[in-house]
């Protein structure tokens, strides 16, 4: 019986849904409010995005510029080189698993629109203030130094 209780305790302790209440604040949907890099707009004016965290340790993140131009042909597989470059330079999406320990968010990226991130482990520093949290990424996918994102909880 003692070993069953110990094994159950280890499983629960390793599951994000059973983390300390102070860590559960991240669970839910968050809308991107601002994005800066070195004090300048990152992803242009009025960036769009959403990050989702579930209680089972899964996450999904989508970030994009609001000024990406529509394709002339209504078929994404037939975009021009310029249209495709605009999308690549103006967006990123990725998903995987996460753990939160204090202000350290550890991500395991299963897959990304930036394939160099597939299968990688990354760290973000996060801070909660009211209904917003700040996400700091020291190594942005587009280079140029760290990025600071601010997200607002979706009501």
Protein backbone atom coordinates (compact mmCIF):
# COMPACT_ATOMS: atom_id res chain seq x y z
CA UNK A 1 0.00 0.00 0.00
CA UNK A 2 2.84 2.36 0.87
CA UNK A 3 4.42 1.89 -2.59
CA UNK A 4 1.07 2.56 -4.32
CA UNK A 5 0.66 5.82 -2.40
CA UNK A 6 4.23 6.81 -3.20
CA UNK A 7 3.81 6.01 -6.91
CA UNK A 8 0.50 7.94 -7.02
CA UNK A 9 2.15 10.91 -5.33
CA UNK A 10 4.99 10.90 -7.86
CA UNK A 11 2.57 10.83 -10.81
CA UNK A 12 0.48 13.65 -9.36
CA UNK A 13 3.54 15.75 -8.58
CA UNK A 14 4.76 15.40 -12.17
CA UNK A 15 1.41 16.45 -13.68
CA UNK A 16 1.00 20.21 -14.28
CA UNK A 17 -2.70 20.05 -13.35
CA UNK A 18 -1.69 19.16 -9.79
CA UNK A 19 1.03 21.76 -9.42
CA UNK A 20 0.82 24.27 -6.61
CA UNK A 21 -2.19 26.60 -6.97
CA UNK A 22 0.16 29.53 -7.56
CA UNK A 23 1.33 27.79 -10.74
CA UNK A 24 -2.14 27.13 -12.16
CA UNK A 25 -2.55 30.79 -13.14
CA UNK A 26 -1.11 30.06 -16.59
CA UNK A 27 -3.86 27.60 -17.60
CA UNK A 28 -6.26 29.08 -20.15
CA UNK A 29 -6.33 31.25 -23.26
CA UNK A 30 -4.29 34.45 -23.58
CA UNK A 31 -4.48 37.12 -26.31
CA UNK A 32 -1.37 38.98 -27.45
CA UNK A 33 -1.45 42.67 -26.43
CA UNK A 34 2.03 43.84 -27.37
CA UNK A 35 5.32 42.54 -28.73
CA UNK A 36 8.64 44.39 -28.49
CA UNK A 37 12.27 43.68 -29.27
CA UNK A 38 14.96 46.04 -28.04
CA UNK A 39 12.22 48.58 -27.24
CA UNK A 40 10.81 48.54 -30.80
CA UNK A 41 7.69 46.92 -32.24
CA UNK A 42 8.16 43.25 -32.98
CA UNK A 43 5.60 41.86 -35.43
CA UNK A 44 4.65 45.40 -36.45
CA UNK A 45 1.84 47.60 -35.17
CA UNK A 46 -1.12 45.84 -33.55
CA UNK A 47 0.36 42.33 -33.48
CA UNK A 48 -2.04 39.42 -33.28
CA UNK A 49 -1.64 36.21 -31.41
CA UNK A 50 -2.87 33.75 -28.87
CA UNK A 51 -1.26 31.26 -26.56
CA UNK A 52 -3.19 28.41 -24.93
CA UNK A 53 -2.09 26.35 -21.92
CA UNK A 54 -4.11 23.35 -20.72
CA UNK A 55 -4.08 21.58 -17.37
CA UNK A 56 -2.44 18.50 -18.92
CA UNK A 57 0.74 20.38 -19.85
CA UNK A 58 -0.01 21.04 -23.53
CA UNK A 59 0.42 24.46 -25.15
CA UNK A 60 -0.11 26.12 -28.52
CA UNK A 61 1.23 29.53 -29.58
CA UNK A 62 0.39 31.55 -32.71
CA UNK A 63 1.91 35.00 -33.35
CA UNK A 64 1.55 37.17 -36.44
CA UNK A 65 1.69 40.64 -37.86
CA UNK A 66 -1.66 42.35 -38.43
CA UNK A 67 -0.47 43.83 -41.73
CA UNK A 68 0.23 40.63 -43.68
CA UNK A 69 -1.21 41.23 -47.15
CA UNK A 70 -3.82 38.91 -48.59
CA UNK A 71 -2.75 36.66 -51.47
CA UNK A 72 -3.93 37.77 -54.92
CA UNK A 73 -5.12 34.22 -55.62
CA UNK A 74 -7.39 32.68 -52.98
CA UNK A 75 -5.16 29.61 -52.64
CA UNK A 76 -2.29 29.53 -50.13
CA UNK A 77 -0.46 26.87 -52.16
CA UNK A 78 -0.22 29.31 -55.07
CA UNK A 79 1.25 32.33 -53.29
CA UNK A 80 3.95 34.32 -55.02
CA UNK A 81 7.49 34.29 -53.63
CA UNK A 82 6.84 37.74 -52.15
CA UNK A 83 3.52 36.71 -50.57
CA UNK A 84 5.06 33.57 -49.08
CA UNK A 85 8.03 35.53 -47.71
CA UNK A 86 5.64 38.04 -46.13
CA UNK A 87 3.87 35.21 -44.28
CA UNK A 88 7.11 33.57 -43.14
CA UNK A 89 8.59 36.85 -41.91
CA UNK A 90 5.35 37.93 -40.28
CA UNK A 91 4.21 34.85 -38.37
CA UNK A 92 5.22 31.89 -36.27
CA UNK A 93 3.22 29.07 -34.71
CA UNK A 94 4.30 26.18 -32.54
CA UNK A 95 2.94 23.67 -30.03
CA UNK A 96 4.11 21.10 -27.55
CA UNK A 97 4.32 20.57 -23.80
CA UNK A 98 5.19 22.90 -20.95
CA UNK A 99 6.07 23.03 -17.27
CA UNK A 100 6.02 26.10 -15.07
CA UNK A 101 8.28 26.44 -12.05
CA UNK A 102 8.05 29.86 -10.42
CA UNK A 103 8.68 32.37 -13.20
CA UNK A 104 10.46 29.84 -15.45
CA UNK A 105 8.36 28.41 -18.26
CA UNK A 106 9.98 25.41 -19.94
CA UNK A 107 8.67 24.48 -23.37
CA UNK A 108 9.22 21.34 -25.38
CA UNK A 109 8.33 22.24 -28.96
CA UNK A 110 6.88 19.26 -30.81
CA UNK A 111 6.48 21.15 -34.08
CA UNK A 112 6.73 24.69 -35.43
CA UNK A 113 6.31 26.71 -38.61
CA UNK A 114 10.02 27.43 -37.99
CA UNK A 115 11.25 23.82 -38.39
CA UNK A 116 14.56 24.53 -36.63
CA UNK A 117 12.55 24.59 -33.39
CA UNK A 118 11.00 21.11 -33.93
CA UNK A 119 11.90 18.84 -31.03
CA UNK A 120 13.74 21.56 -29.08
CA UNK A 121 13.49 22.59 -25.44
CA UNK A 122 13.27 26.29 -24.71
CA UNK A 123 12.87 28.51 -21.69
CA UNK A 124 10.81 31.68 -21.23
CA UNK A 125 10.62 33.93 -18.19
CA UNK A 126 7.02 34.86 -17.30
CA UNK A 127 5.50 37.32 -14.84
CA UNK A 128 1.84 37.69 -13.94
CA UNK A 129 0.40 41.15 -13.20
CA UNK A 130 -3.37 41.19 -12.79
CA UNK A 131 -4.97 39.73 -15.94
CA UNK A 132 -1.80 40.09 -18.00
CA UNK A 133 1.42 38.18 -18.17
CA UNK A 134 4.77 39.07 -19.67
CA UNK A 135 6.73 36.46 -21.61
CA UNK A 136 10.41 37.08 -22.24
CA UNK A 137 12.24 35.05 -24.86
CA UNK A 138 16.00 35.64 -24.94
CA UNK A 139 16.43 33.95 -28.34
CA UNK A 140 13.81 35.06 -30.86
CA UNK A 141 13.32 32.94 -34.00
CA UNK A 142 14.03 35.97 -36.22
CA UNK A 143 17.26 36.85 -34.39
CA UNK A 144 18.05 40.34 -33.17
CA UNK A 145 17.96 39.69 -29.44
CA UNK A 146 15.28 39.04 -26.89
CA UNK A 147 11.55 39.56 -27.38
CA UNK A 148 9.04 40.67 -24.77
CA UNK A 149 5.41 39.67 -25.29
CA UNK A 150 2.47 40.80 -23.17
CA UNK A 151 -0.68 38.66 -23.11
CA UNK A 152 -4.13 39.43 -21.67
CA UNK A 153 -6.30 36.63 -20.27
CA UNK A 154 -9.24 35.87 -22.58
CA UNK A 155 -12.48 36.31 -20.64
